[in-house]
N, C-alpha and C. Protein backbone atom coordinates (compact mmCIF):
# COMPACT_ATOMS: atom_id res chain seq x y z
N MET A 1 0.84 -1.17 0.00
CA MET A 1 0.00 0.00 0.00
C MET A 1 0.89 1.24 0.00
N LEU A 2 0.70 2.11 -0.95
CA LEU A 2 1.44 3.35 -1.02
C LEU A 2 0.69 4.44 -0.27
N VAL A 3 1.44 5.21 0.50
CA VAL A 3 0.85 6.33 1.23
C VAL A 3 1.71 7.56 0.99
N PRO A 4 1.10 8.74 0.99
CA PRO A 4 1.91 9.95 0.83
C PRO A 4 2.76 10.21 2.07
N GLN A 5 3.89 10.87 1.86
CA GLN A 5 4.74 11.24 2.99
C GLN A 5 4.00 12.22 3.89
N PRO A 6 4.02 11.99 5.19
CA PRO A 6 3.39 12.94 6.11
C PRO A 6 4.08 14.30 6.03
N ARG A 7 3.31 15.34 6.23
CA ARG A 7 3.85 16.71 6.16
C ARG A 7 4.16 17.30 7.53
N ASP A 8 3.74 16.58 8.59
CA ASP A 8 4.02 17.07 9.94
C ASP A 8 4.16 15.88 10.88
N LEU A 9 4.61 16.17 12.11
CA LEU A 9 4.88 15.09 13.06
C LEU A 9 3.62 14.32 13.42
N SER A 10 2.48 14.99 13.54
CA SER A 10 1.25 14.27 13.88
C SER A 10 0.90 13.28 12.76
N GLY A 11 1.13 13.64 11.52
CA GLY A 11 0.90 12.72 10.42
C GLY A 11 1.86 11.55 10.44
N ARG A 12 3.09 11.83 10.80
CA ARG A 12 4.10 10.77 10.88
C ARG A 12 3.75 9.79 12.00
N LEU A 13 3.31 10.33 13.14
CA LEU A 13 2.91 9.47 14.26
C LEU A 13 1.67 8.64 13.91
N ALA A 14 0.72 9.24 13.22
CA ALA A 14 -0.49 8.52 12.81
C ALA A 14 -0.14 7.38 11.88
N LEU A 15 0.77 7.61 10.95
CA LEU A 15 1.18 6.57 10.02
C LEU A 15 1.90 5.43 10.74
N ALA A 16 2.75 5.78 11.70
CA ALA A 16 3.44 4.75 12.49
C ALA A 16 2.44 3.93 13.30
N HIS A 17 1.43 4.60 13.87
CA HIS A 17 0.40 3.90 14.64
C HIS A 17 -0.39 2.96 13.74
N GLU A 18 -0.74 3.42 12.53
CA GLU A 18 -1.46 2.57 11.59
C GLU A 18 -0.64 1.35 11.21
N TYR A 19 0.66 1.55 10.94
CA TYR A 19 1.55 0.43 10.62
C TYR A 19 1.57 -0.58 11.76
N GLN A 20 1.75 -0.07 12.98
CA GLN A 20 1.85 -0.97 14.13
C GLN A 20 0.55 -1.75 14.34
N SER A 21 -0.59 -1.12 14.14
CA SER A 21 -1.85 -1.83 14.34
C SER A 21 -2.11 -2.85 13.23
N ARG A 22 -1.62 -2.60 12.03
CA ARG A 22 -1.82 -3.54 10.92
C ARG A 22 -0.82 -4.68 10.93
N PHE A 23 0.40 -4.41 11.35
CA PHE A 23 1.48 -5.39 11.23
C PHE A 23 2.18 -5.61 12.56
N ASP A 24 1.43 -5.63 13.64
CA ASP A 24 2.03 -5.73 14.96
C ASP A 24 2.89 -6.96 15.09
N HIS A 25 4.18 -6.75 15.34
CA HIS A 25 5.11 -7.86 15.54
C HIS A 25 5.82 -7.74 16.88
N GLY A 26 5.27 -6.90 17.76
CA GLY A 26 5.79 -6.81 19.12
C GLY A 26 7.09 -6.04 19.24
N THR A 27 7.47 -5.32 18.22
CA THR A 27 8.72 -4.56 18.25
C THR A 27 8.40 -3.08 18.37
N PRO A 28 9.06 -2.38 19.26
CA PRO A 28 8.79 -0.94 19.37
C PRO A 28 9.11 -0.21 18.07
N ILE A 29 8.31 0.76 17.75
CA ILE A 29 8.54 1.60 16.58
C ILE A 29 8.87 2.99 17.08
N LEU A 30 10.00 3.51 16.64
CA LEU A 30 10.42 4.86 17.02
C LEU A 30 10.22 5.77 15.82
N VAL A 31 9.73 6.96 16.07
CA VAL A 31 9.43 7.91 15.01
C VAL A 31 10.40 9.08 15.11
N ASP A 32 11.04 9.38 14.00
CA ASP A 32 12.00 10.49 13.95
C ASP A 32 11.28 11.83 13.88
N THR A 33 11.99 12.88 14.20
CA THR A 33 11.45 14.23 14.05
C THR A 33 11.36 14.58 12.57
N MET A 34 10.70 15.66 12.26
CA MET A 34 10.51 16.04 10.86
C MET A 34 11.81 16.45 10.18
N ASN A 35 12.83 16.82 10.93
CA ASN A 35 14.11 17.15 10.30
C ASN A 35 14.99 15.91 10.07
N ASN A 36 14.46 14.73 10.43
CA ASN A 36 15.13 13.45 10.19
C ASN A 36 16.52 13.35 10.82
N ALA A 37 16.70 13.96 11.98
CA ALA A 37 18.01 13.97 12.63
C ALA A 37 18.53 12.56 12.91
N SER A 38 17.68 11.67 13.39
CA SER A 38 18.12 10.30 13.67
C SER A 38 18.46 9.56 12.39
N TRP A 39 17.63 9.72 11.38
CA TRP A 39 17.86 9.09 10.09
C TRP A 39 19.21 9.53 9.51
N GLU A 40 19.49 10.82 9.60
CA GLU A 40 20.76 11.35 9.10
C GLU A 40 21.94 10.77 9.90
N ALA A 41 21.79 10.65 11.21
CA ALA A 41 22.88 10.20 12.07
C ALA A 41 23.11 8.69 12.01
N LEU A 42 22.07 7.91 11.68
CA LEU A 42 22.16 6.45 11.80
C LEU A 42 22.24 5.70 10.47
N SER A 43 22.40 6.38 9.38
CA SER A 43 22.72 5.76 8.09
C SER A 43 21.60 5.73 7.07
N LYS A 44 20.59 6.50 7.21
CA LYS A 44 19.59 6.70 6.17
C LYS A 44 18.97 5.41 5.62
N ALA A 45 18.61 4.51 6.48
CA ALA A 45 17.91 3.29 6.07
C ALA A 45 16.42 3.47 6.33
N PRO A 46 15.55 3.04 5.41
CA PRO A 46 14.12 3.31 5.56
C PRO A 46 13.43 2.54 6.68
N ASN A 47 13.96 1.42 7.07
CA ASN A 47 13.33 0.59 8.11
C ASN A 47 14.44 -0.01 8.97
N LEU A 48 15.28 0.86 9.47
CA LEU A 48 16.50 0.49 10.18
C LEU A 48 16.20 -0.28 11.45
N GLY A 49 16.97 -1.32 11.68
CA GLY A 49 16.93 -2.06 12.93
C GLY A 49 18.28 -1.95 13.61
N LEU A 50 18.29 -1.51 14.86
CA LEU A 50 19.54 -1.38 15.62
C LEU A 50 19.42 -2.14 16.93
N LEU A 51 20.49 -2.81 17.29
CA LEU A 51 20.59 -3.44 18.60
C LEU A 51 21.71 -2.71 19.33
N GLU A 52 21.33 -2.03 20.39
CA GLU A 52 22.26 -1.20 21.14
C GLU A 52 22.37 -1.76 22.55
N ASP A 53 23.60 -1.82 23.06
CA ASP A 53 23.76 -2.31 24.43
C ASP A 53 23.49 -1.18 25.42
N GLN A 54 23.58 -1.49 26.71
CA GLN A 54 23.25 -0.51 27.74
C GLN A 54 24.20 0.68 27.73
N GLY A 55 25.38 0.50 27.16
CA GLY A 55 26.35 1.58 27.08
C GLY A 55 26.19 2.44 25.83
N GLY A 56 25.20 2.11 25.00
CA GLY A 56 24.97 2.88 23.79
C GLY A 56 25.77 2.43 22.58
N VAL A 57 26.46 1.30 22.69
CA VAL A 57 27.24 0.76 21.58
C VAL A 57 26.33 -0.08 20.69
N VAL A 58 26.34 0.21 19.39
CA VAL A 58 25.53 -0.55 18.44
C VAL A 58 26.19 -1.91 18.24
N ARG A 59 25.46 -2.98 18.55
CA ARG A 59 25.97 -4.36 18.44
C ARG A 59 25.49 -5.05 17.17
N ALA A 60 24.39 -4.59 16.60
CA ALA A 60 23.88 -5.15 15.34
C ALA A 60 23.11 -4.05 14.62
N ARG A 61 23.19 -4.07 13.31
CA ARG A 61 22.50 -3.07 12.49
C ARG A 61 21.93 -3.79 11.27
N GLU A 62 20.69 -3.51 10.98
CA GLU A 62 20.04 -4.07 9.80
C GLU A 62 19.47 -2.92 8.98
N GLY A 63 19.78 -2.88 7.70
CA GLY A 63 19.23 -1.86 6.82
C GLY A 63 17.73 -1.97 6.67
N TRP A 64 17.22 -3.18 6.81
CA TRP A 64 15.78 -3.42 6.79
C TRP A 64 15.48 -4.35 7.95
N PHE A 65 14.73 -3.86 8.94
CA PHE A 65 14.50 -4.63 10.17
C PHE A 65 13.88 -5.99 9.87
N ASP A 66 14.46 -7.01 10.49
CA ASP A 66 13.98 -8.38 10.38
C ASP A 66 14.04 -8.98 11.78
N ARG A 67 12.86 -9.15 12.39
CA ARG A 67 12.83 -9.59 13.79
C ARG A 67 13.57 -10.91 14.02
N PRO A 68 13.35 -11.96 13.20
CA PRO A 68 14.10 -13.20 13.45
C PRO A 68 15.62 -13.00 13.39
N ALA A 69 16.09 -12.19 12.45
CA ALA A 69 17.53 -11.93 12.37
C ALA A 69 18.01 -11.17 13.59
N MET A 70 17.21 -10.22 14.07
CA MET A 70 17.60 -9.47 15.26
C MET A 70 17.61 -10.38 16.48
N GLU A 71 16.67 -11.30 16.55
CA GLU A 71 16.67 -12.25 17.67
C GLU A 71 17.91 -13.13 17.63
N GLU A 72 18.39 -13.47 16.43
CA GLU A 72 19.65 -14.22 16.31
C GLU A 72 20.82 -13.39 16.82
N SER A 73 20.81 -12.11 16.50
CA SER A 73 21.86 -11.22 16.99
C SER A 73 21.83 -11.15 18.52
N LEU A 74 20.63 -11.06 19.08
CA LEU A 74 20.50 -11.06 20.54
C LEU A 74 21.05 -12.35 21.13
N ALA A 75 20.69 -13.48 20.53
CA ALA A 75 21.14 -14.78 21.03
C ALA A 75 22.66 -14.89 20.95
N SER A 76 23.25 -14.34 19.90
CA SER A 76 24.71 -14.41 19.76
C SER A 76 25.42 -13.62 20.86
N LEU A 77 24.70 -12.67 21.45
CA LEU A 77 25.24 -11.90 22.58
C LEU A 77 24.83 -12.50 23.92
N GLY A 78 24.15 -13.64 23.88
CA GLY A 78 23.71 -14.30 25.11
C GLY A 78 22.47 -13.69 25.72
N ILE A 79 21.72 -12.95 24.90
CA ILE A 79 20.49 -12.31 25.36
C ILE A 79 19.32 -13.03 24.72
N HIS A 80 18.36 -13.41 25.53
CA HIS A 80 17.21 -14.11 24.99
C HIS A 80 15.99 -13.20 25.07
N PRO A 81 15.39 -12.89 23.91
CA PRO A 81 14.24 -11.97 23.91
C PRO A 81 13.07 -12.55 24.68
N ARG A 82 12.31 -11.63 25.26
CA ARG A 82 11.09 -12.04 25.97
C ARG A 82 10.06 -12.51 24.96
N ASN A 83 9.29 -13.48 25.31
CA ASN A 83 8.24 -13.98 24.43
C ASN A 83 6.89 -13.42 24.76
N ASP A 84 6.83 -12.38 25.61
CA ASP A 84 5.54 -11.83 26.00
C ASP A 84 5.10 -10.67 25.10
N GLN A 85 5.79 -10.44 24.04
CA GLN A 85 5.45 -9.32 23.14
C GLN A 85 4.49 -9.75 22.07
């Protein structure tokens, strides 16, 4: 489904909420500001997945988020994801 780019933050949040309700996979969705500061800083991927440790070090990065692959990355670090999501 193609949708127009939101023109303001409320539109961006509404689109993220719609995505989450349609395709809920138990993963938090973070929404960038309208100036795309996070997108600019983190490598300009449209559906970026990052695994960051408690110290803020990125341990895994996916250009297109894939939950099973991220769970493998977690397991490789000895972290087992919760199954209550």
